[in-house]
Amino acid sequence: RQLGEQVNVLHRGCGTTVVIQPEIPVPEDKLLIAAHENGVKISYIKNALENPNPLIPPNLIILGFGELSKEEITKGAGILLDVWKSLLP
């Protein structure tokens, strides 16, 4: 499978955020750290919760792009996919 097939877009059209769920066989912390080290700021929804919610999968990521241009969004998405692809075994 291609990496793009391993990232599910769960919610779009909800303002300036997109919720994705990666199904990449790499530990969650490595995905987050690799993104941040390459200038793409992402956050797991679970980190924003005051208490754990068993109805929310732990690997849901929220991408916010309210202050970014279309070009910056496209560039960031490309970087994110490239970085995550480089982590695959």
Protein backbone atom coordinates (compact mmCIF):
# COMPACT_ATOMS: atom_id res chain seq x y z
CA ARG A 1 0.00 0.00 0.00
CA GLN A 2 1.03 3.56 -0.63
CA LEU A 3 1.51 5.78 2.42
CA GLY A 4 -1.46 7.92 1.39
CA GLU A 5 -3.63 4.81 1.73
CA GLN A 6 -2.40 4.42 5.31
CA VAL A 7 -3.68 7.81 6.49
CA ASN A 8 -7.43 8.12 6.85
CA VAL A 9 -8.97 11.60 6.66
CA LEU A 10 -11.85 11.41 9.12
CA HIS A 11 -13.21 14.95 9.28
CA ARG A 12 -12.88 17.65 6.69
CA GLY A 13 -14.94 20.70 6.02
CA CYS A 14 -14.90 21.54 9.72
CA GLY A 15 -13.34 24.97 9.62
CA THR A 16 -9.59 25.27 9.70
CA THR A 17 -8.77 21.77 10.92
CA VAL A 18 -8.64 18.25 9.58
CA VAL A 19 -8.67 15.10 11.70
CA ILE A 20 -6.61 12.21 10.41
CA GLN A 21 -5.89 8.71 11.66
CA PRO A 22 -2.60 7.23 10.50
CA GLU A 23 -2.45 3.46 10.18
CA ILE A 24 1.32 3.42 9.90
CA PRO A 25 3.25 0.66 11.71
CA VAL A 26 5.41 3.17 13.60
CA PRO A 27 5.04 4.21 17.26
CA GLU A 28 2.86 7.30 17.69
CA ASP A 29 5.57 9.33 19.38
CA LYS A 30 7.92 8.79 16.41
CA LEU A 31 5.29 10.13 13.99
CA LEU A 32 4.80 13.24 16.11
CA ILE A 33 8.52 13.88 16.71
CA ALA A 34 9.43 13.34 13.05
CA ALA A 35 6.75 15.80 11.95
CA HIS A 36 7.86 18.45 14.45
CA GLU A 37 11.55 18.01 13.57
CA ASN A 38 10.65 18.76 9.96
CA GLY A 39 8.59 21.86 10.71
CA VAL A 40 5.10 20.34 10.62
CA LYS A 41 3.26 20.93 13.86
CA ILE A 42 0.67 18.28 14.61
CA SER A 43 -1.02 17.18 17.80
CA TYR A 44 -2.78 14.07 19.00
CA ILE A 45 -6.33 14.79 20.09
CA LYS A 46 -5.74 12.69 23.22
CA ASN A 47 -3.16 15.27 24.38
CA ALA A 48 -5.83 17.98 24.43
CA LEU A 49 -8.24 15.97 26.57
CA GLU A 50 -8.46 16.58 30.29
CA ASN A 51 -9.43 12.94 30.85
CA PRO A 52 -8.94 9.95 28.56
CA ASN A 53 -11.99 9.17 26.44
CA PRO A 54 -12.35 5.49 25.45
CA LEU A 55 -14.47 6.52 22.44
CA ILE A 56 -11.59 8.46 20.86
CA PRO A 57 -8.87 6.32 19.27
CA PRO A 58 -5.44 7.26 20.66
CA ASN A 59 -3.89 7.87 17.24
CA LEU A 60 -6.23 10.62 16.01
CA ILE A 61 -4.29 13.66 14.89
CA ILE A 62 -5.62 17.15 14.41
CA LEU A 63 -4.09 19.35 11.74
CA GLY A 64 -4.81 23.05 12.06
CA PHE A 65 -4.18 25.39 9.16
CA GLY A 66 -6.12 28.55 9.93
CA GLU A 67 -3.21 30.95 9.40
CA LEU A 68 -1.57 29.13 6.49
CA SER A 69 -1.78 29.85 2.77
CA LYS A 70 -2.85 27.18 0.31
CA GLU A 71 0.79 26.78 -0.75
CA GLU A 72 1.94 26.32 2.87
CA ILE A 73 -0.77 23.71 3.47
CA THR A 74 0.22 21.79 0.34
CA LYS A 75 3.92 21.97 1.24
CA GLY A 76 3.26 20.85 4.84
CA ALA A 77 1.14 17.89 3.73
CA GLY A 78 3.89 16.81 1.33
CA ILE A 79 6.55 17.10 4.01
CA LEU A 80 4.41 15.14 6.46
CA LEU A 81 3.85 12.28 4.02
CA ASP A 82 7.53 12.22 2.97
CA VAL A 83 8.74 12.19 6.58
CA TRP A 84 6.32 9.45 7.61
CA LYS A 85 7.19 7.40 4.51
CA SER A 86 10.87 7.57 5.52
CA LEU A 87 9.97 5.93 8.85
CA LEU A 88 8.41 2.85 7.28
CA PRO A 89 10.33 -0.38 7.73
